Amino acid sequence: MMMEFLYFPKDKSEYIPAFITLVIFMIGAVAAMYLFYKKSKKEEKYFEEKYKDEMFVNREDQHSTTSSKDN
């Protein structure tokens, strides 16, 4: 038979360590995503505070150029 590389234990208690490892890595992945999200929000807030005036000026410029083209 060619499927000798597959291993399905008859004793299902051998799945417990694999399940525990899976749970640990899933918790780690969720924690990492939460930290990335939290850091991203902080950086977004910092960026908006730092470039608030420049973004406002750019919006006015875009608005004025768009309205002048319409006329």
Protein backbone atom coordinates (compact mmCIF):
# COMPACT_ATOMS: atom_id res chain seq x y z
CA MET A 1 0.00 0.00 0.00
CA MET A 2 1.23 3.52 -0.79
CA MET A 3 -0.28 5.35 2.21
CA GLU A 4 2.19 4.26 4.83
CA PHE A 5 3.13 7.89 5.53
CA LEU A 6 -0.34 8.57 6.99
CA TYR A 7 -0.68 7.74 10.65
CA PHE A 8 -4.05 7.49 12.34
CA PRO A 9 -3.59 6.23 15.89
CA LYS A 10 -6.02 3.72 17.29
CA ASP A 11 -5.59 5.33 20.70
CA LYS A 12 -7.25 8.70 20.29
CA SER A 13 -5.46 10.11 23.36
CA GLU A 14 -2.42 10.66 21.10
CA TYR A 15 -4.34 13.56 19.53
CA ILE A 16 -4.33 15.52 22.81
CA PRO A 17 -0.75 16.96 22.54
CA ALA A 18 -1.40 18.00 18.94
CA PHE A 19 -4.66 19.69 19.94
CA ILE A 20 -2.95 21.51 22.83
CA THR A 21 -0.21 22.72 20.47
CA LEU A 22 -2.83 23.88 17.97
CA VAL A 23 -4.68 25.82 20.66
CA ILE A 24 -1.46 27.47 21.86
CA PHE A 25 -0.55 28.59 18.34
CA MET A 26 -4.07 29.83 17.64
CA ILE A 27 -4.04 31.90 20.85
CA GLY A 28 -0.63 33.27 19.83
CA ALA A 29 -1.93 34.16 16.37
CA VAL A 30 -4.98 35.96 17.79
CA ALA A 31 -2.77 37.82 20.29
CA ALA A 32 -0.37 38.87 17.51
CA MET A 33 -3.24 40.14 15.34
CA TYR A 34 -4.64 42.09 18.30
CA LEU A 35 -1.24 43.71 18.94
CA PHE A 36 -0.82 44.58 15.25
CA TYR A 37 -4.30 46.13 15.23
CA LYS A 38 -3.62 48.11 18.38
CA LYS A 39 -0.24 49.36 17.09
CA SER A 40 -1.78 50.28 13.74
CA LYS A 41 -4.46 52.38 15.42
CA LYS A 42 -1.80 54.22 17.46
CA GLU A 43 0.24 54.91 14.32
CA GLU A 44 -2.86 56.12 12.47
CA LYS A 45 -3.70 58.52 15.28
CA TYR A 46 -0.10 59.78 15.40
CA PHE A 47 -0.03 60.25 11.61
CA GLU A 48 -3.31 62.17 11.60
CA GLU A 49 -2.12 64.45 14.41
CA LYS A 50 1.25 65.07 12.77
CA TYR A 51 -0.04 65.77 9.26
CA LYS A 52 -3.43 67.22 10.13
CA ASP A 53 -2.70 70.67 8.69
CA GLU A 54 -1.13 69.31 5.50
CA MET A 55 -4.03 66.97 4.84
CA PHE A 56 -6.50 69.82 5.38
CA VAL A 57 -4.60 72.07 2.95
CA ASN A 58 -4.45 69.29 0.34
CA ARG A 59 -8.19 68.71 0.62
CA GLU A 60 -8.87 72.41 0.09
CA ASP A 61 -6.55 72.47 -2.93
CA GLN A 62 -8.26 69.45 -4.46
CA HIS A 63 -11.67 70.90 -3.79
CA SER A 64 -10.79 74.28 -5.29
CA THR A 65 -9.21 72.75 -8.41
CA THR A 66 -12.20 70.48 -8.92
CA SER A 67 -14.70 73.31 -8.59
CA SER A 68 -12.68 75.56 -10.92
CA LYS A 69 -12.69 72.85 -13.60
CA ASP A 70 -16.47 72.61 -13.35
CA ASN A 71 -16.85 76.32 -14.20
